[in-house]
Amino acid sequence: MNFSEYLSCCQTWTNDALRAVLSDANIKNDQIREAMIYSTMAGGKRVRPMLVKAACEALGGDISHALPAACAIELIHTYSLIHDDLPAMDDDDLRRGRPTCHKAFDEATAILAGDALQALAFEVIASNPELSADIRLQQSLTLAKAAGCNGMIEGQAQDMQATGKVLSLEELKQLHACKTGALIRVACTLGALAAGADNLQIKALESYADAIGLAFQVQDDILDVTASTEVLGKTQGADIAQGKNTYVSLLGLEEAQDTALALKENALNELKSLNLDNPNATRYLQDLAKYIVERDH
């Protein structure tokens, strides 16, 4: 299948599993349950679960072993979006073309729904019957580090503290390596661990993920100034309006576009370093690197 079909297949794979996870969780509070489902099932590209699946497949693993980790990372991602949108953070009214969680419900419900999704993510990984306790521990540890105070949380804190200040390019790269890149990197790690990868394979996939993670953010910054609110599904120009540092504000539009393309090539070279017997095994990882810099939303 082509990449568009593969991405659609991964979205269905992920969405079906997420519905089952949320149903099996037997969430007793009606309002919290509705808010969790509202945000988790609001659509989205499901790029991070796709990375878990594609990394596992590339190394010859069984994707059923990777499915819980794919769900877990999307639960973490969803919780982060709920909290990012809150008035105390990015203060957004729209997410994926719909009212943000705190607008559809209220701020307290949004906070609690996000907290619940974060906890549920680790419950899902820990309960995976297909993997050994050692692999589940490694997955839990790497996801916790990526989502925690030296990963995604650190990036969000840097982002908030940097608003209204001018960062250097290196400072901006570090910010996004934490805020956006950490979850993209760990997605590849989770998939590789599910496939029983060795350390060299994990390192190559993580370097690939670092490149596409940065490219993802650069392209997001480009789209913030080039795409409409209707296409984006969130407010166009919001980053500039809030005085946020972006690759476009630091580099200009043309150089930012060149940077995204260079990162794509770096990612493709990292996949070649895996030296797999079947180079086509990484086809969808290659396609994703290209998709990230060619997407319009």
C-alpha atoms as a PDB file:
ATOM      1  CA  MET A   1       0.000   0.000   0.000  1.00  0.00           C
ATOM      2  CA  ASN A   2       1.100   3.598  -0.500  1.00  0.00           C
ATOM      3  CA  PHE A   3       1.928   5.850   2.460  1.00  0.00           C
ATOM      4  CA  SER A   4      -1.483   7.520   2.561  1.00  0.00           C
ATOM      5  CA  GLU A   5      -3.132   4.099   2.766  1.00  0.00           C
ATOM      6  CA  TYR A   6      -0.611   2.951   5.381  1.00  0.00           C
ATOM      7  CA  LEU A   7      -1.215   6.033   7.524  1.00  0.00           C
ATOM      8  CA  SER A   8      -4.981   5.496   7.251  1.00  0.00           C
ATOM      9  CA  CYS A   9      -4.505   1.847   8.255  1.00  0.00           C
ATOM     10  CA  CYS A  10      -2.416   2.920  11.264  1.00  0.00           C
ATOM     11  CA  GLN A  11      -5.061   5.437  12.278  1.00  0.00           C
ATOM     12  CA  THR A  12      -7.743   2.733  12.218  1.00  0.00           C
ATOM     13  CA  TRP A  13      -5.420   0.323  14.071  1.00  0.00           C
ATOM     14  CA  THR A  14      -4.787   2.929  16.745  1.00  0.00           C
ATOM     15  CA  ASN A  15      -8.338   4.253  17.022  1.00  0.00           C
ATOM     16  CA  ASP A  16      -9.869   0.794  17.419  1.00  0.00           C
ATOM     17  CA  ALA A  17      -7.371  -0.033  20.152  1.00  0.00           C
ATOM     18  CA  LEU A  18      -7.859   3.304  21.933  1.00  0.00           C
ATOM     19  CA  ARG A  19     -11.632   2.800  22.010  1.00  0.00           C
ATOM     20  CA  ALA A  20     -11.084  -0.615  23.587  1.00  0.00           C
ATOM     21  CA  VAL A  21      -8.600   0.800  26.123  1.00  0.00           C
ATOM     22  CA  LEU A  22     -10.991   3.564  27.187  1.00  0.00           C
ATOM     23  CA  SER A  23     -13.892   1.110  27.395  1.00  0.00           C
ATOM     24  CA  ASP A  24     -11.926  -1.495  29.355  1.00  0.00           C
ATOM     25  CA  ALA A  25     -10.702   1.167  31.790  1.00  0.00           C
ATOM     26  CA  ASN A  26     -14.234   1.242  33.258  1.00  0.00           C
ATOM     27  CA  ILE A  27     -14.027   4.947  34.131  1.00  0.00           C
ATOM     28  CA  LYS A  28     -16.696   5.551  36.744  1.00  0.00           C
ATOM     29  CA  ASN A  29     -16.991   9.353  36.616  1.00  0.00           C
ATOM     30  CA  ASP A  30     -19.185  10.204  33.632  1.00  0.00           C
ATOM     31  CA  GLN A  31     -17.796  13.698  33.054  1.00  0.00           C
ATOM     32  CA  ILE A  32     -14.148  12.621  33.232  1.00  0.00           C
ATOM     33  CA  ARG A  33     -14.851   9.644  30.957  1.00  0.00           C
ATOM     34  CA  GLU A  34     -16.587  11.848  28.385  1.00  0.00           C
ATOM     35  CA  ALA A  35     -13.734  14.365  28.435  1.00  0.00           C
ATOM     36  CA  MET A  36     -11.116  11.637  28.017  1.00  0.00           C
ATOM     37  CA  ILE A  37     -12.981  10.139  25.073  1.00  0.00           C
ATOM     38  CA  TYR A  38     -13.743  13.569  23.575  1.00  0.00           C
ATOM     39  CA  SER A  39     -10.063  14.503  23.425  1.00  0.00           C
ATOM     40  CA  THR A  40      -8.573  11.091  22.639  1.00  0.00           C
ATOM     41  CA  MET A  41     -10.982  10.327  19.813  1.00  0.00           C
ATOM     42  CA  ALA A  42     -10.950  13.825  18.305  1.00  0.00           C
ATOM     43  CA  GLY A  43      -8.982  12.673  15.274  1.00  0.00           C
ATOM     44  CA  GLY A  44      -5.370  13.560  14.681  1.00  0.00           C
ATOM     45  CA  LYS A  45      -2.750  12.077  12.388  1.00  0.00           C
ATOM     46  CA  ARG A  46      -1.652   9.407  14.912  1.00  0.00           C
ATOM     47  CA  VAL A  47       1.956   9.884  13.805  1.00  0.00           C
ATOM     48  CA  ARG A  48       3.434   8.653  17.088  1.00  0.00           C
ATOM     49  CA  PRO A  49       1.536   5.333  17.127  1.00  0.00           C
ATOM     50  CA  MET A  50       2.424   4.947  13.463  1.00  0.00           C
ATOM     51  CA  LEU A  51       6.094   5.317  14.394  1.00  0.00           C
ATOM     52  CA  VAL A  52       5.766   2.627  17.065  1.00  0.00           C
ATOM     53  CA  LYS A  53       4.177   0.290  14.528  1.00  0.00           C
ATOM     54  CA  ALA A  54       6.548   1.089  11.653  1.00  0.00           C
ATOM     55  CA  ALA A  55       9.683   0.766  13.798  1.00  0.00           C
ATOM     56  CA  CYS A  56       8.506  -2.610  15.079  1.00  0.00           C
ATOM     57  CA  GLU A  57       7.673  -3.799  11.553  1.00  0.00           C
ATOM     58  CA  ALA A  58      10.976  -2.575  10.101  1.00  0.00           C
ATOM     59  CA  LEU A  59      12.863  -4.813  12.521  1.00  0.00           C
ATOM     60  CA  GLY A  60      10.625  -7.819  11.850  1.00  0.00           C
ATOM     61  CA  GLY A  61       8.609  -7.597  15.055  1.00  0.00           C
ATOM     62  CA  ASP A  62       5.005  -8.602  15.700  1.00  0.00           C
ATOM     63  CA  ILE A  63       2.874  -5.438  15.652  1.00  0.00           C
ATOM     64  CA  SER A  64       0.419  -6.894  18.174  1.00  0.00           C
ATOM     65  CA  HIS A  65       3.281  -6.706  20.682  1.00  0.00           C
ATOM     66  CA  ALA A  66       3.678  -3.001  19.915  1.00  0.00           C
ATOM     67  CA  LEU A  67      -0.008  -2.031  20.040  1.00  0.00           C
ATOM     68  CA  PRO A  68      -0.211  -1.260  23.793  1.00  0.00           C
ATOM     69  CA  ALA A  69       2.814   1.046  23.530  1.00  0.00           C
ATOM     70  CA  ALA A  70       1.257   2.738  20.488  1.00  0.00           C
ATOM     71  CA  CYS A  71      -1.878   3.420  22.540  1.00  0.00           C
ATOM     72  CA  ALA A  72       0.146   4.574  25.528  1.00  0.00           C
ATOM     73  CA  ILE A  73       2.089   7.184  23.610  1.00  0.00           C
ATOM     74  CA  GLU A  74      -1.089   8.590  22.070  1.00  0.00           C
ATOM     75  CA  LEU A  75      -2.681   8.812  25.521  1.00  0.00           C
ATOM     76  CA  ILE A  76       0.359  10.763  26.723  1.00  0.00           C
ATOM     77  CA  HIS A  77       0.218  12.985  23.637  1.00  0.00           C
ATOM     78  CA  THR A  78      -3.496  13.651  24.160  1.00  0.00           C
ATOM     79  CA  TYR A  79      -2.996  14.536  27.812  1.00  0.00           C
ATOM     80  CA  SER A  80      -0.249  16.978  26.806  1.00  0.00           C
ATOM     81  CA  LEU A  81      -2.532  18.662  24.260  1.00  0.00           C
ATOM     82  CA  ILE A  82      -5.331  19.065  26.810  1.00  0.00           C
ATOM     83  CA  HIS A  83      -2.946  20.740  29.247  1.00  0.00           C
ATOM     84  CA  ASP A  84      -1.158  22.808  26.571  1.00  0.00           C
ATOM     85  CA  ASP A  85      -4.490  24.323  25.530  1.00  0.00           C
ATOM     86  CA  LEU A  86      -5.405  25.503  29.041  1.00  0.00           C
ATOM     87  CA  PRO A  87      -5.618  29.254  29.760  1.00  0.00           C
ATOM     88  CA  ALA A  88      -2.545  29.067  32.001  1.00  0.00           C
ATOM     89  CA  MET A  89      -0.525  27.557  29.144  1.00  0.00           C
ATOM     90  CA  ASP A  90      -1.151  28.268  25.437  1.00  0.00           C
ATOM     91  CA  ASP A  91      -4.781  29.372  25.978  1.00  0.00           C
ATOM     92  CA  ASP A  92      -6.226  27.891  22.788  1.00  0.00           C
ATOM     93  CA  ASP A  93      -9.915  27.632  21.936  1.00  0.00           C
ATOM     94  CA  LEU A  94      -9.585  25.154  19.056  1.00  0.00           C
ATOM     95  CA  ARG A  95      -7.910  21.776  18.701  1.00  0.00           C
ATOM     96  CA  ARG A  96      -8.329  19.615  15.600  1.00  0.00           C
ATOM     97  CA  GLY A  97     -11.146  21.871  14.456  1.00  0.00           C
ATOM     98  CA  ARG A  98     -13.201  21.464  17.633  1.00  0.00           C
ATOM     99  CA  PRO A  99     -13.439  23.336  20.949  1.00  0.00           C
ATOM    100  CA  THR A 100     -10.544  22.434  23.218  1.00  0.00           C
ATOM    101  CA  CYS A 101     -11.306  20.194  26.186  1.00  0.00           C
ATOM    102  CA  HIS A 102     -11.579  23.011  28.728  1.00  0.00           C
ATOM    103  CA  LYS A 103     -13.970  24.852  26.376  1.00  0.00           C
ATOM    104  CA  ALA A 104     -16.129  21.783  25.718  1.00  0.00           C
ATOM    105  CA  PHE A 105     -16.220  20.954  29.447  1.00  0.00           C
ATOM    106  CA  ASP A 106     -14.449  23.148  32.022  1.00  0.00           C
ATOM    107  CA  GLU A 107     -10.906  23.736  33.225  1.00  0.00           C
ATOM    108  CA  ALA A 108     -11.036  21.390  36.215  1.00  0.00           C
ATOM    109  CA  THR A 109     -12.432  18.553  34.101  1.00  0.00           C
ATOM    110  CA  ALA A 110      -9.760  19.137  31.452  1.00  0.00           C
ATOM    111  CA  ILE A 111      -6.964  18.993  34.029  1.00  0.00           C
ATOM    112  CA  LEU A 112      -8.308  15.808  35.594  1.00  0.00           C
ATOM    113  CA  ALA A 113      -8.953  14.154  32.205  1.00  0.00           C
ATOM    114  CA  GLY A 114      -5.365  14.879  31.199  1.00  0.00           C
ATOM    115  CA  ASP A 115      -4.044  13.477  34.484  1.00  0.00           C
ATOM    116  CA  ALA A 116      -6.155  10.342  34.024  1.00  0.00           C
ATOM    117  CA  LEU A 117      -4.898   9.791  30.471  1.00  0.00           C
ATOM    118  CA  GLN A 118      -1.299  10.038  31.637  1.00  0.00           C
ATOM    119  CA  ALA A 119      -1.824   7.411  34.333  1.00  0.00           C
ATOM    120  CA  LEU A 120      -3.756   5.154  31.963  1.00  0.00           C
ATOM    121  CA  ALA A 121      -0.847   5.196  29.489  1.00  0.00           C
ATOM    122  CA  PHE A 122       1.472   3.458  31.948  1.00  0.00           C
ATOM    123  CA  GLU A 123      -1.251   1.046  33.011  1.00  0.00           C
ATOM    124  CA  VAL A 124      -1.633  -0.023  29.371  1.00  0.00           C
ATOM    125  CA  ILE A 125       2.097  -0.676  28.931  1.00  0.00           C
ATOM    126  CA  ALA A 126       2.412  -2.503  32.236  1.00  0.00           C
ATOM    127  CA  SER A 127      -0.537  -4.766  31.349  1.00  0.00           C
ATOM    128  CA  ASN A 128       0.798  -5.899  27.942  1.00  0.00           C
ATOM    129  CA  PRO A 129       0.636  -9.724  28.066  1.00  0.00           C
ATOM    130  CA  GLU A 130       2.748 -10.154  24.926  1.00  0.00           C
ATOM    131  CA  LEU A 131       6.038  -8.797  26.311  1.00  0.00           C
ATOM    132  CA  SER A 132       8.321  -9.834  29.152  1.00  0.00           C
ATOM    133  CA  ALA A 133       8.353  -7.874  32.384  1.00  0.00           C
ATOM    134  CA  ASP A 134      11.855  -6.621  31.519  1.00  0.00           C
ATOM    135  CA  ILE A 135      10.748  -5.147  28.176  1.00  0.00           C
ATOM    136  CA  ARG A 136       7.642  -3.598  29.763  1.00  0.00           C
ATOM    137  CA  LEU A 137       9.874  -2.017  32.398  1.00  0.00           C
ATOM    138  CA  GLN A 138      12.193  -0.604  29.725  1.00  0.00           C
ATOM    139  CA  GLN A 139       9.221   0.774  27.792  1.00  0.00           C
ATOM    140  CA  SER A 140       7.723   2.351  30.909  1.00  0.00           C
ATOM    141  CA  LEU A 141      11.039   3.901  31.918  1.00  0.00           C
ATOM    142  CA  THR A 142      11.812   5.364  28.490  1.00  0.00           C
ATOM    143  CA  LEU A 143       8.276   6.753  28.109  1.00  0.00           C
ATOM    144  CA  ALA A 144       8.368   8.281  31.596  1.00  0.00           C
ATOM    145  CA  LYS A 145      11.680   9.987  30.839  1.00  0.00           C
ATOM    146  CA  ALA A 146      10.436  11.289  27.488  1.00  0.00           C
ATOM    147  CA  ALA A 147       7.229  12.675  28.986  1.00  0.00           C
ATOM    148  CA  GLY A 148       8.753  13.927  32.207  1.00  0.00           C
ATOM    149  CA  CYS A 149      10.774  16.745  33.705  1.00  0.00           C
ATOM    150  CA  ASN A 150      13.748  16.328  31.351  1.00  0.00           C
ATOM    151  CA  GLY A 151      11.611  15.655  28.290  1.00  0.00           C
ATOM    152  CA  MET A 152       8.235  16.996  27.206  1.00  0.00           C
ATOM    153  CA  ILE A 153       7.558  18.867  30.470  1.00  0.00           C
ATOM    154  CA  GLU A 154      10.943  20.567  30.290  1.00  0.00           C
ATOM    155  CA  GLY A 155      10.205  21.635  26.726  1.00  0.00           C
ATOM    156  CA  GLN A 156       6.835  23.071  27.685  1.00  0.00           C
ATOM    157  CA  ALA A 157       8.388  24.939  30.611  1.00  0.00           C
ATOM    158  CA  GLN A 158      11.101  26.367  28.347  1.00  0.00           C
ATOM    159  CA  ASP A 159       8.442  27.375  25.831  1.00  0.00           C
ATOM    160  CA  MET A 160       6.416  29.261  28.428  1.00  0.00           C
ATOM    161  CA  GLN A 161       9.469  30.974  29.895  1.00  0.00           C
ATOM    162  CA  ALA A 162      10.729  31.952  26.448  1.00  0.00           C
ATOM    163  CA  THR A 163       7.535  33.738  25.379  1.00  0.00           C
ATOM    164  CA  GLY A 164       8.355  37.357  24.680  1.00  0.00           C
ATOM    165  CA  LYS A 165      12.106  36.660  24.674  1.00  0.00           C
ATOM    166  CA  VAL A 166      14.337  36.051  21.666  1.00  0.00           C
ATOM    167  CA  LEU A 167      16.083  32.671  21.743  1.00  0.00           C
ATOM    168  CA  SER A 168      19.150  31.587  19.843  1.00  0.00           C
ATOM    169  CA  LEU A 169      18.752  28.861  17.244  1.00  0.00           C
ATOM    170  CA  GLU A 170      20.437  26.353  19.558  1.00  0.00           C
ATOM    171  CA  GLU A 171      18.116  27.258  22.420  1.00  0.00           C
ATOM    172  CA  LEU A 172      15.101  26.822  20.168  1.00  0.00           C
ATOM    173  CA  LYS A 173      16.373  23.427  18.974  1.00  0.00           C
ATOM    174  CA  GLN A 174      16.825  22.295  22.582  1.00  0.00           C
ATOM    175  CA  LEU A 175      13.334  23.488  23.471  1.00  0.00           C
ATOM    176  CA  HIS A 176      11.733  21.510  20.670  1.00  0.00           C
ATOM    177  CA  ALA A 177      13.947  18.464  21.191  1.00  0.00           C
ATOM    178  CA  CYS A 178      12.175  18.232  24.547  1.00  0.00           C
ATOM    179  CA  LYS A 179       8.685  19.536  23.816  1.00  0.00           C
ATOM    180  CA  THR A 180       7.978  17.815  20.485  1.00  0.00           C
ATOM    181  CA  GLY A 181      10.966  15.608  19.763  1.00  0.00           C
ATOM    182  CA  ALA A 182      11.024  13.578  22.962  1.00  0.00           C
ATOM    183  CA  LEU A 183       7.742  11.761  22.245  1.00  0.00           C
ATOM    184  CA  ILE A 184       8.644  11.197  18.603  1.00  0.00           C
ATOM    185  CA  ARG A 185      12.001   9.747  19.634  1.00  0.00           C
ATOM    186  CA  VAL A 186      10.484   7.455  22.257  1.00  0.00           C
ATOM    187  CA  ALA A 187       7.876   6.226  19.761  1.00  0.00           C
ATOM    188  CA  CYS A 188      10.682   4.638  17.746  1.00  0.00           C
ATOM    189  CA  THR A 189      12.284   3.292  20.918  1.00  0.00           C
ATOM    190  CA  LEU A 190       9.030   1.678  22.055  1.00  0.00           C
ATOM    191  CA  GLY A 191       8.500   0.003  18.682  1.00  0.00           C
ATOM    192  CA  ALA A 192      12.097  -1.200  18.557  1.00  0.00           C
ATOM    193  CA  LEU A 193      11.888  -2.647  22.072  1.00  0.00           C
ATOM    194  CA  ALA A 194       8.690  -4.489  21.142  1.00  0.00           C
ATOM    195  CA  ALA A 195      10.618  -6.067  18.238  1.00  0.00           C
ATOM    196  CA  GLY A 196      13.545  -7.129  20.429  1.00  0.00           C
ATOM    197  CA  ALA A 197      15.987  -4.656  18.856  1.00  0.00           C
ATOM    198  CA  ASP A 198      19.651  -4.429  19.833  1.00  0.00           C
ATOM    199  CA  ASN A 199      21.286  -1.224  21.071  1.00  0.00           C
ATOM    200  CA  LEU A 200      22.737  -0.239  17.691  1.00  0.00           C
ATOM    201  CA  GLN A 201      19.349  -0.560  16.012  1.00  0.00           C
ATOM    202  CA  ILE A 202      17.696   1.468  18.756  1.00  0.00           C
ATOM    203  CA  LYS A 203      20.356   4.190  18.451  1.00  0.00           C
ATOM    204  CA  ALA A 204      19.908   4.465  14.677  1.00  0.00           C
ATOM    205  CA  LEU A 205      16.134   4.681  14.974  1.00  0.00           C
ATOM    206  CA  GLU A 206      16.413   7.288  17.728  1.00  0.00           C
ATOM    207  CA  SER A 207      18.730   9.410  15.547  1.00  0.00           C
ATOM    208  CA  TYR A 208      16.198   9.098  12.715  1.00  0.00           C
ATOM    209  CA  ALA A 209      13.478  10.178  15.130  1.00  0.00           C
ATOM    210  CA  ASP A 210      15.513  13.165  16.329  1.00  0.00           C
ATOM    211  CA  ALA A 211      15.739  14.408  12.754  1.00  0.00           C
ATOM    212  CA  ILE A 212      12.059  13.969  11.908  1.00  0.00           C
ATOM    213  CA  GLY A 213      11.026  15.346  15.310  1.00  0.00           C
ATOM    214  CA  LEU A 214      12.837  18.595  14.616  1.00  0.00           C
ATOM    215  CA  ALA A 215      11.560  18.619  11.029  1.00  0.00           C
ATOM    216  CA  PHE A 216       8.021  18.186  12.376  1.00  0.00           C
ATOM    217  CA  GLN A 217       8.367  21.308  14.509  1.00  0.00           C
ATOM    218  CA  VAL A 218      10.001  23.344  11.758  1.00  0.00           C
ATOM    219  CA  GLN A 219       7.148  22.415   9.424  1.00  0.00           C
ATOM    220  CA  ASP A 220       4.598  23.285  12.127  1.00  0.00           C
ATOM    221  CA  ASP A 221       6.175  26.733  12.386  1.00  0.00           C
ATOM    222  CA  ILE A 222       6.040  27.106   8.616  1.00  0.00           C
ATOM    223  CA  LEU A 223       2.379  26.089   8.522  1.00  0.00           C
ATOM    224  CA  ASP A 224       1.541  28.520  11.326  1.00  0.00           C
ATOM    225  CA  VAL A 225       2.247  31.355   8.888  1.00  0.00           C
ATOM    226  CA  THR A 226       1.299  29.753   5.564  1.00  0.00           C
ATOM    227  CA  ALA A 227      -1.858  27.687   6.246  1.00  0.00           C
ATOM    228  CA  SER A 228      -5.371  28.857   7.097  1.00  0.00           C
ATOM    229  CA  THR A 229      -7.178  28.254  10.391  1.00  0.00           C
ATOM    230  CA  GLU A 230      -9.592  25.955   8.527  1.00  0.00           C
ATOM    231  CA  VAL A 231      -6.776  23.794   7.170  1.00  0.00           C
ATOM    232  CA  LEU A 232      -4.773  23.781  10.413  1.00  0.00           C
ATOM    233  CA  GLY A 233      -7.731  22.999  12.681  1.00  0.00           C
ATOM    234  CA  LYS A 234      -6.363  25.564  15.136  1.00  0.00           C
ATOM    235  CA  THR A 235      -5.902  29.320  15.103  1.00  0.00           C
ATOM    236  CA  GLN A 236      -3.593  30.448  12.281  1.00  0.00           C
ATOM    237  CA  GLY A 237      -0.760  32.729  13.376  1.00  0.00           C
ATOM    238  CA  ALA A 238      -1.291  31.943  17.073  1.00  0.00           C
ATOM    239  CA  ASP A 239       2.420  31.435  17.777  1.00  0.00           C
ATOM    240  CA  ILE A 240       3.419  34.798  16.326  1.00  0.00           C
ATOM    241  CA  ALA A 241       0.525  36.551  18.068  1.00  0.00           C
ATOM    242  CA  GLN A 242       1.738  35.193  21.416  1.00  0.00           C
ATOM    243  CA  GLY A 243       5.334  36.247  20.781  1.00  0.00           C
ATOM    244  CA  LYS A 244       6.629  32.677  20.599  1.00  0.00           C
ATOM    245  CA  ASN A 245      10.017  31.845  19.140  1.00  0.00           C
ATOM    246  CA  THR A 246       9.695  29.892  15.901  1.00  0.00           C
ATOM    247  CA  TYR A 247      12.058  28.754  13.171  1.00  0.00           C
ATOM    248  CA  VAL A 248      10.350  31.159  10.804  1.00  0.00           C
ATOM    249  CA  SER A 249      10.845  34.105  13.169  1.00  0.00           C
ATOM    250  CA  LEU A 250      14.542  33.237  13.627  1.00  0.00           C
ATOM    251  CA  LEU A 251      15.464  32.028  10.153  1.00  0.00           C
ATOM    252  CA  GLY A 252      12.860  33.480   7.830  1.00  0.00           C
ATOM    253  CA  LEU A 253      10.440  31.385   5.799  1.00  0.00           C
ATOM    254  CA  GLU A 254      12.807  30.284   3.012  1.00  0.00           C
ATOM    255  CA  GLU A 255      15.640  29.175   5.307  1.00  0.00           C
ATOM    256  CA  ALA A 256      13.166  27.387   7.572  1.00  0.00           C
ATOM    257  CA  GLN A 257      11.904  25.453   4.544  1.00  0.00           C
ATOM    258  CA  ASP A 258      15.503  24.561   3.600  1.00  0.00           C
ATOM    259  CA  THR A 259      16.139  23.388   7.160  1.00  0.00           C
ATOM    260  CA  ALA A 260      13.139  21.063   7.053  1.00  0.00           C
ATOM    261  CA  LEU A 261      14.387  19.497   3.816  1.00  0.00           C
ATOM    262  CA  ALA A 262      17.913  18.992   5.228  1.00  0.00           C
ATOM    263  CA  LEU A 263      16.492  17.274   8.302  1.00  0.00           C
ATOM    264  CA  LYS A 264      14.508  14.941   6.071  1.00  0.00           C
ATOM    265  CA  GLU A 265      17.735  13.871   4.324  1.00  0.00           C
ATOM    266  CA  ASN A 266      19.439  13.308   7.688  1.00  0.00           C
ATOM    267  CA  ALA A 267      16.579  11.051   8.739  1.00  0.00           C
ATOM    268  CA  LEU A 268      16.776   8.993   5.556  1.00  0.00           C
ATOM    269  CA  ASN A 269      20.525   8.524   6.019  1.00  0.00           C
ATOM    270  CA  GLU A 270      20.001   7.201   9.548  1.00  0.00           C
ATOM    271  CA  LEU A 271      17.639   4.547   8.206  1.00  0.00           C
ATOM    272  CA  LYS A 272      20.289   3.432   5.721  1.00  0.00           C
ATOM    273  CA  SER A 273      22.708   2.927   8.625  1.00  0.00           C
ATOM    274  CA  LEU A 274      20.479   0.106   9.929  1.00  0.00           C
ATOM    275  CA  ASN A 275      21.934  -2.028   7.106  1.00  0.00           C
ATOM    276  CA  LEU A 276      18.882  -4.269   6.993  1.00  0.00           C
ATOM    277  CA  ASP A 277      18.846  -7.193   4.545  1.00  0.00           C
ATOM    278  CA  ASN A 278      15.665  -5.784   3.063  1.00  0.00           C
ATOM    279  CA  PRO A 279      16.048  -1.991   2.582  1.00  0.00           C
ATOM    280  CA  ASN A 280      12.326  -1.848   1.791  1.00  0.00           C
ATOM    281  CA  ALA A 281      11.640  -2.775   5.416  1.00  0.00           C
ATOM    282  CA  THR A 282      11.968   0.895   6.350  1.00  0.00           C
ATOM    283  CA  ARG A 283       9.781   2.087   3.480  1.00  0.00           C
ATOM    284  CA  TYR A 284       7.092   3.639   5.645  1.00  0.00           C
ATOM    285  CA  LEU A 285       9.622   5.288   7.941  1.00  0.00           C
ATOM    286  CA  GLN A 286      11.166   6.817   4.818  1.00  0.00           C
ATOM    287  CA  ASP A 287       7.744   7.910   3.611  1.00  0.00           C
ATOM    288  CA  LEU A 288       6.989   9.508   6.974  1.00  0.00           C
ATOM    289  CA  ALA A 289      10.142  11.630   6.818  1.00  0.00           C
ATOM    290  CA  LYS A 290       8.992  12.908   3.439  1.00  0.00           C
ATOM    291  CA  TYR A 291       5.387  13.382   4.568  1.00  0.00           C
ATOM    292  CA  ILE A 292       6.386  15.509   7.552  1.00  0.00           C
ATOM    293  CA  VAL A 293       7.950  18.207   5.405  1.00  0.00           C
ATOM    294  CA  GLU A 294       5.316  18.019   2.649  1.00  0.00           C
ATOM    295  CA  ARG A 295       2.129  18.069   4.792  1.00  0.00           C
ATOM    296  CA  ASP A 296      -0.187  21.083   4.698  1.00  0.00           C
ATOM    297  CA  HIS A 297      -1.701  20.694   8.182  1.00  0.00           C
END
